[in-house]
Structures are given as C-alpha cells and as structure tokens.
Amino acid sequence: MTLGQRIKEEQEKRQWTQDYLAETLNVFRQAISKWEVENAYPDIDRLVQISNLFDITLDSLIKGDDSLKKSIVITKNAKAQTNVWEFMRSTGWMMVIAIIYLVTKMIIAVFS
C-alpha cells in the first residue's frame, strides 16, 4: 500500500474530509489531494504529524512505499547540497573582498 492510499484509507476510516485533514495539518486541501494521488509527498515533519494524528507509527505509515523512501533520501541530499552552496556563496564574496583589499594595500605600499 502506498502512502497516498494509506492516508486516504485512514482518513475515510475516521470519516474525515480533505478539508478537515488539511486544516488540522495546516496545509491546503490541494496538498492532501496531491498526497492521495501521489503527485507530491509530505515532508518528514508533516509525516510525523500525520502518523500522530492517525495514531499509527511512522513506519507503518510509509512502509511499502519505496518511491517515498527514495524521495526522502533525495530531499535530504538536495538540502545538504543547498547548504554547502549557500555557505560557499556567502563566504565566497567575503574572500573576494578580502583579496581585493589585500591587493589594493600591496599596490599602495609598492607605489608609496
């Protein structure tokens, strides 16, 4: 059973509408719909909320959905790459400014 099927099953078992589930999870109703038809997946924090709300373990919620497991790993790797890029980008400008400053100081020292 996929995650989308599991969410839909648990929701129907409790006779909850997509609107009610969306309001409870603080998401748009369209997000619930996308999860159910597997056009998107909830993030890990939202998965924890869903498992708590349905009173089931996180493992039982996602077990059997291999595409979700791959998505979680890919998302984790993408965030790590983004963090490295952000660090390089922010420190890169500082390095450029420092190099320009040092070169300027050397030129002034040579011609003074």
N, C-alpha and C. Protein backbone atom coordinates (compact mmCIF):
# COMPACT_ATOMS: atom_id res chain seq x y z
N MET A 1 0.84 -1.17 0.00
CA MET A 1 0.00 0.00 0.00
C MET A 1 0.89 1.24 0.00
N THR A 2 0.57 2.18 -0.86
CA THR A 2 1.36 3.40 -0.95
C THR A 2 0.94 4.38 0.15
N LEU A 3 1.76 5.41 0.33
CA LEU A 3 1.45 6.43 1.34
C LEU A 3 0.12 7.10 1.03
N GLY A 4 -0.09 7.45 -0.23
CA GLY A 4 -1.34 8.11 -0.61
C GLY A 4 -2.55 7.26 -0.30
N GLN A 5 -2.46 5.97 -0.59
CA GLN A 5 -3.56 5.05 -0.29
C GLN A 5 -3.77 4.95 1.22
N ARG A 6 -2.67 4.93 1.95
CA ARG A 6 -2.76 4.80 3.41
C ARG A 6 -3.41 6.05 4.02
N ILE A 7 -3.02 7.22 3.55
CA ILE A 7 -3.63 8.46 4.05
C ILE A 7 -5.13 8.47 3.77
N LYS A 8 -5.48 8.11 2.54
CA LYS A 8 -6.89 8.10 2.16
C LYS A 8 -7.67 7.08 2.99
N GLU A 9 -7.09 5.91 3.20
CA GLU A 9 -7.76 4.87 3.98
C GLU A 9 -8.00 5.32 5.43
N GLU A 10 -6.97 5.88 6.05
CA GLU A 10 -7.09 6.33 7.44
C GLU A 10 -8.08 7.49 7.56
N GLN A 11 -8.06 8.36 6.58
CA GLN A 11 -8.99 9.50 6.56
C GLN A 11 -10.43 9.00 6.44
N GLU A 12 -10.66 8.07 5.52
CA GLU A 12 -12.01 7.55 5.32
C GLU A 12 -12.48 6.74 6.52
N LYS A 13 -11.56 6.02 7.15
CA LYS A 13 -11.90 5.24 8.34
C LYS A 13 -12.48 6.14 9.43
N ARG A 14 -11.96 7.36 9.51
CA ARG A 14 -12.40 8.31 10.52
C ARG A 14 -13.50 9.24 10.01
N GLN A 15 -13.86 9.07 8.74
CA GLN A 15 -14.88 9.89 8.07
C GLN A 15 -14.49 11.37 8.10
N TRP A 16 -13.21 11.63 7.84
CA TRP A 16 -12.70 13.00 7.78
C TRP A 16 -12.67 13.45 6.32
N THR A 17 -12.98 14.69 6.10
CA THR A 17 -12.87 15.25 4.76
C THR A 17 -11.43 15.71 4.52
N GLN A 18 -11.11 15.94 3.26
CA GLN A 18 -9.80 16.50 2.94
C GLN A 18 -9.64 17.87 3.59
N ASP A 19 -10.72 18.65 3.60
CA ASP A 19 -10.68 19.97 4.23
C ASP A 19 -10.34 19.88 5.71
N TYR A 20 -10.97 18.94 6.41
CA TYR A 20 -10.72 18.79 7.84
C TYR A 20 -9.26 18.38 8.08
N LEU A 21 -8.78 17.41 7.31
CA LEU A 21 -7.40 16.95 7.46
C LEU A 21 -6.41 18.07 7.14
N ALA A 22 -6.70 18.82 6.09
CA ALA A 22 -5.83 19.93 5.70
C ALA A 22 -5.78 20.99 6.80
N GLU A 23 -6.92 21.33 7.35
CA GLU A 23 -6.96 22.33 8.41
C GLU A 23 -6.20 21.85 9.65
N THR A 24 -6.35 20.58 9.97
CA THR A 24 -5.68 20.01 11.14
C THR A 24 -4.16 20.01 10.96
N LEU A 25 -3.72 19.76 9.72
CA LEU A 25 -2.27 19.69 9.43
C LEU A 25 -1.69 21.04 9.01
N ASN A 26 -2.53 22.06 8.92
CA ASN A 26 -2.08 23.39 8.49
C ASN A 26 -1.52 23.39 7.06
N VAL A 27 -2.22 22.74 6.16
CA VAL A 27 -1.85 22.73 4.74
C VAL A 27 -3.10 23.03 3.92
N PHE A 28 -2.90 23.26 2.64
CA PHE A 28 -4.04 23.46 1.75
C PHE A 28 -4.66 22.10 1.42
N ARG A 29 -5.95 22.13 1.12
CA ARG A 29 -6.66 20.91 0.74
C ARG A 29 -6.02 20.25 -0.48
N GLN A 30 -5.50 21.09 -1.39
CA GLN A 30 -4.87 20.57 -2.59
C GLN A 30 -3.65 19.71 -2.25
N ALA A 31 -2.97 20.03 -1.16
CA ALA A 31 -1.82 19.23 -0.75
C ALA A 31 -2.27 17.82 -0.38
N ILE A 32 -3.37 17.72 0.34
CA ILE A 32 -3.91 16.41 0.72
C ILE A 32 -4.26 15.62 -0.54
N SER A 33 -4.90 16.29 -1.48
CA SER A 33 -5.27 15.64 -2.74
C SER A 33 -4.04 15.14 -3.49
N LYS A 34 -3.00 15.97 -3.55
CA LYS A 34 -1.77 15.57 -4.24
C LYS A 34 -1.11 14.38 -3.54
N TRP A 35 -1.16 14.35 -2.21
CA TRP A 35 -0.58 13.22 -1.49
C TRP A 35 -1.34 11.94 -1.81
N GLU A 36 -2.68 12.05 -1.84
CA GLU A 36 -3.50 10.86 -2.07
C GLU A 36 -3.30 10.28 -3.46
N VAL A 37 -3.10 11.13 -4.47
CA VAL A 37 -2.89 10.62 -5.83
C VAL A 37 -1.40 10.51 -6.17
N GLU A 38 -0.57 10.80 -5.17
CA GLU A 38 0.88 10.66 -5.27
C GLU A 38 1.54 11.55 -6.31
N ASN A 39 1.02 12.76 -6.42
CA ASN A 39 1.68 13.79 -7.24
C ASN A 39 2.70 14.55 -6.42
N ALA A 40 2.63 14.36 -5.10
CA ALA A 40 3.57 15.01 -4.18
C ALA A 40 3.61 14.19 -2.90
N TYR A 41 4.61 14.45 -2.10
CA TYR A 41 4.74 13.78 -0.80
C TYR A 41 4.90 14.83 0.30
N PRO A 42 4.36 14.53 1.48
CA PRO A 42 4.57 15.45 2.59
C PRO A 42 6.02 15.40 3.06
N ASP A 43 6.50 16.49 3.65
CA ASP A 43 7.86 16.48 4.18
C ASP A 43 7.89 15.64 5.46
N ILE A 44 9.08 15.40 5.97
CA ILE A 44 9.23 14.48 7.10
C ILE A 44 8.50 14.99 8.34
N ASP A 45 8.52 16.29 8.58
CA ASP A 45 7.80 16.83 9.74
C ASP A 45 6.30 16.59 9.62
N ARG A 46 5.78 16.76 8.42
CA ARG A 46 4.36 16.55 8.18
C ARG A 46 4.01 15.06 8.32
N LEU A 47 4.93 14.17 7.89
CA LEU A 47 4.69 12.74 8.05
C LEU A 47 4.55 12.37 9.53
N VAL A 48 5.37 12.98 10.35
CA VAL A 48 5.28 12.73 11.80
C VAL A 48 3.93 13.21 12.32
N GLN A 49 3.49 14.40 11.88
CA GLN A 49 2.18 14.91 12.29
C GLN A 49 1.06 13.96 11.87
N ILE A 50 1.16 13.47 10.63
CA ILE A 50 0.13 12.57 10.11
C ILE A 50 0.08 11.29 10.93
N SER A 51 1.24 10.72 11.21
CA SER A 51 1.26 9.46 11.98
C SER A 51 0.70 9.68 13.38
N ASN A 52 1.01 10.83 13.99
CA ASN A 52 0.46 11.13 15.31
C ASN A 52 -1.06 11.32 15.25
N LEU A 53 -1.50 12.02 14.23
CA LEU A 53 -2.92 12.29 14.06
C LEU A 53 -3.72 11.00 13.87
N PHE A 54 -3.18 10.10 13.07
CA PHE A 54 -3.85 8.82 12.81
C PHE A 54 -3.56 7.78 13.90
N ASP A 55 -2.69 8.15 14.84
CA ASP A 55 -2.31 7.25 15.94
C ASP A 55 -1.74 5.93 15.40
N ILE A 56 -0.84 6.07 14.42
CA ILE A 56 -0.12 4.91 13.88
C ILE A 56 1.36 5.27 13.85
N THR A 57 2.20 4.26 13.78
CA THR A 57 3.64 4.53 13.75
C THR A 57 4.03 5.10 12.40
N LEU A 58 5.08 5.86 12.40
CA LEU A 58 5.61 6.41 11.15
C LEU A 58 6.00 5.28 10.21
N ASP A 59 6.56 4.23 10.78
CA ASP A 59 6.96 3.07 9.98
C ASP A 59 5.77 2.45 9.26
N SER A 60 4.68 2.27 9.97
CA SER A 60 3.51 1.66 9.33
C SER A 60 2.86 2.60 8.31
N LEU A 61 3.05 3.90 8.51
CA LEU A 61 2.50 4.87 7.56
C LEU A 61 3.22 4.80 6.22
N ILE A 62 4.53 4.72 6.24
CA ILE A 62 5.29 4.78 4.99
C ILE A 62 5.77 3.42 4.48
N LYS A 63 5.63 2.39 5.29
CA LYS A 63 6.12 1.07 4.89
C LYS A 63 5.46 0.63 3.58
N GLY A 64 6.28 0.14 2.70
CA GLY A 64 5.77 -0.36 1.43
C GLY A 64 5.78 0.66 0.31
N ASP A 65 6.07 1.91 0.62
CA ASP A 65 6.09 2.94 -0.41
C ASP A 65 7.55 3.27 -0.74
N ASP A 66 8.13 2.50 -1.65
CA ASP A 66 9.55 2.66 -1.99
C ASP A 66 9.84 4.02 -2.62
N SER A 67 8.91 4.54 -3.42
CA SER A 67 9.16 5.83 -4.06
C SER A 67 9.24 6.95 -3.02
N LEU A 68 8.48 6.83 -1.94
CA LEU A 68 8.56 7.82 -0.87
C LEU A 68 9.92 7.74 -0.18
N LYS A 69 10.39 6.54 0.10
CA LYS A 69 11.69 6.38 0.74
C LYS A 69 12.78 7.01 -0.10
N LYS A 70 12.73 6.81 -1.41
CA LYS A 70 13.72 7.42 -2.31
C LYS A 70 13.58 8.93 -2.30
N SER A 71 12.35 9.43 -2.25
CA SER A 71 12.10 10.87 -2.24
C SER A 71 12.69 11.51 -0.99
N ILE A 72 12.57 10.85 0.15
CA ILE A 72 13.10 11.39 1.40
C ILE A 72 14.62 11.49 1.31
N VAL A 73 15.27 10.46 0.77
CA VAL A 73 16.73 10.48 0.64
C VAL A 73 17.17 11.56 -0.32
N ILE A 74 16.49 11.70 -1.44
CA ILE A 74 16.83 12.72 -2.44
C ILE A 74 16.66 14.11 -1.84
N THR A 75 15.57 14.32 -1.12
CA THR A 75 15.33 15.62 -0.49
C THR A 75 16.41 15.94 0.52
N LYS A 76 16.80 14.96 1.31
CA LYS A 76 17.85 15.16 2.31
C LYS A 76 19.15 15.54 1.63
N ASN A 77 19.51 14.83 0.54
CA ASN A 77 20.74 15.14 -0.19
C ASN A 77 20.67 16.51 -0.84
N ALA A 78 19.53 16.87 -1.38
CA ALA A 78 19.37 18.18 -2.02
C ALA A 78 19.54 19.30 -1.00
N LYS A 79 19.00 19.10 0.20
CA LYS A 79 19.15 20.13 1.24
C LYS A 79 20.60 20.27 1.64
N ALA A 80 21.32 19.15 1.74
CA ALA A 80 22.74 19.21 2.10
C ALA A 80 23.53 19.96 1.04
N GLN A 81 23.24 19.69 -0.24
CA GLN A 81 23.93 20.38 -1.32
C GLN A 81 23.61 21.86 -1.31
N THR A 82 22.36 22.21 -1.04
CA THR A 82 21.96 23.61 -0.98
C THR A 82 22.70 24.32 0.14
N ASN A 83 22.80 23.66 1.31
CA ASN A 83 23.50 24.28 2.43
C ASN A 83 24.97 24.53 2.10
N VAL A 84 25.61 23.59 1.43
CA VAL A 84 27.02 23.76 1.05
C VAL A 84 27.14 24.91 0.06
N TRP A 85 26.25 24.96 -0.91
CA TRP A 85 26.28 26.04 -1.91
C TRP A 85 26.06 27.39 -1.24
N GLU A 86 25.11 27.47 -0.33
CA GLU A 86 24.85 28.73 0.37
C GLU A 86 26.08 29.17 1.15
N PHE A 87 26.75 28.24 1.81
CA PHE A 87 27.95 28.57 2.56
C PHE A 87 29.04 29.09 1.63
N MET A 88 29.25 28.37 0.51
CA MET A 88 30.28 28.78 -0.44
C MET A 88 29.95 30.15 -1.02
N ARG A 89 28.70 30.37 -1.31
CA ARG A 89 28.29 31.64 -1.89
C ARG A 89 28.49 32.78 -0.90
N SER A 90 28.12 32.57 0.34
CA SER A 90 28.24 33.65 1.33
C SER A 90 29.70 33.91 1.69
N THR A 91 30.51 32.88 1.83
CA THR A 91 31.92 33.09 2.17
C THR A 91 32.73 33.48 0.94
N GLY A 92 32.27 33.12 -0.23
CA GLY A 92 32.98 33.46 -1.46
C GLY A 92 33.09 34.96 -1.64
N TRP A 93 32.02 35.68 -1.39
CA TRP A 93 32.06 37.14 -1.51
C TRP A 93 33.01 37.76 -0.51
N MET A 94 33.05 37.21 0.68
CA MET A 94 33.97 37.74 1.68
C MET A 94 35.42 37.53 1.24
N MET A 95 35.70 36.39 0.63
CA MET A 95 37.05 36.11 0.14
C MET A 95 37.45 37.07 -0.97
N VAL A 96 36.54 37.31 -1.89
CA VAL A 96 36.82 38.23 -2.99
C VAL A 96 37.11 39.63 -2.46
N ILE A 97 36.31 40.09 -1.52
CA ILE A 97 36.53 41.41 -0.93
C ILE A 97 37.87 41.46 -0.20
N ALA A 98 38.19 40.40 0.54
CA ALA A 98 39.46 40.37 1.27
C ALA A 98 40.65 40.39 0.30
N ILE A 99 40.56 39.65 -0.80
CA ILE A 99 41.64 39.62 -1.79
C ILE A 99 41.81 40.99 -2.44
N ILE A 100 40.71 41.62 -2.82
CA ILE A 100 40.77 42.96 -3.42
C ILE A 100 41.41 43.94 -2.43
N TYR A 101 41.03 43.85 -1.18
CA TYR A 101 41.58 44.72 -0.16
C TYR A 101 43.09 44.52 -0.03
N LEU A 102 43.52 43.25 0.04
CA LEU A 102 44.95 42.96 0.18
C LEU A 102 45.75 43.42 -1.04
N VAL A 103 45.22 43.17 -2.23
CA VAL A 103 45.91 43.59 -3.45
C VAL A 103 46.01 45.11 -3.49
N THR A 104 44.95 45.80 -3.12
CA THR A 104 44.96 47.26 -3.08
C THR A 104 46.01 47.76 -2.09
N LYS A 105 46.07 47.15 -0.91
CA LYS A 105 47.06 47.55 0.10
C LYS A 105 48.48 47.32 -0.42
N MET A 106 48.72 46.21 -1.14
CA MET A 106 50.05 45.92 -1.68
C MET A 106 50.43 46.94 -2.75
N ILE A 107 49.47 47.30 -3.61
CA ILE A 107 49.74 48.28 -4.66
C ILE A 107 50.06 49.64 -4.04
N ILE A 108 49.32 50.04 -3.04
CA ILE A 108 49.57 51.31 -2.36
C ILE A 108 50.95 51.28 -1.69
N ALA A 109 51.30 50.16 -1.07
CA ALA A 109 52.59 50.04 -0.39
C ALA A 109 53.75 50.10 -1.39
N VAL A 110 53.58 49.51 -2.57
CA VAL A 110 54.63 49.50 -3.58
C VAL A 110 54.85 50.90 -4.16
N PHE A 111 53.78 51.64 -4.40
CA PHE A 111 53.90 52.94 -5.03
C PHE A 111 54.03 54.10 -4.04
N SER A 112 54.10 53.84 -2.75
CA SER A 112 54.26 54.94 -1.80
C SER A 112 55.72 55.18 -1.48
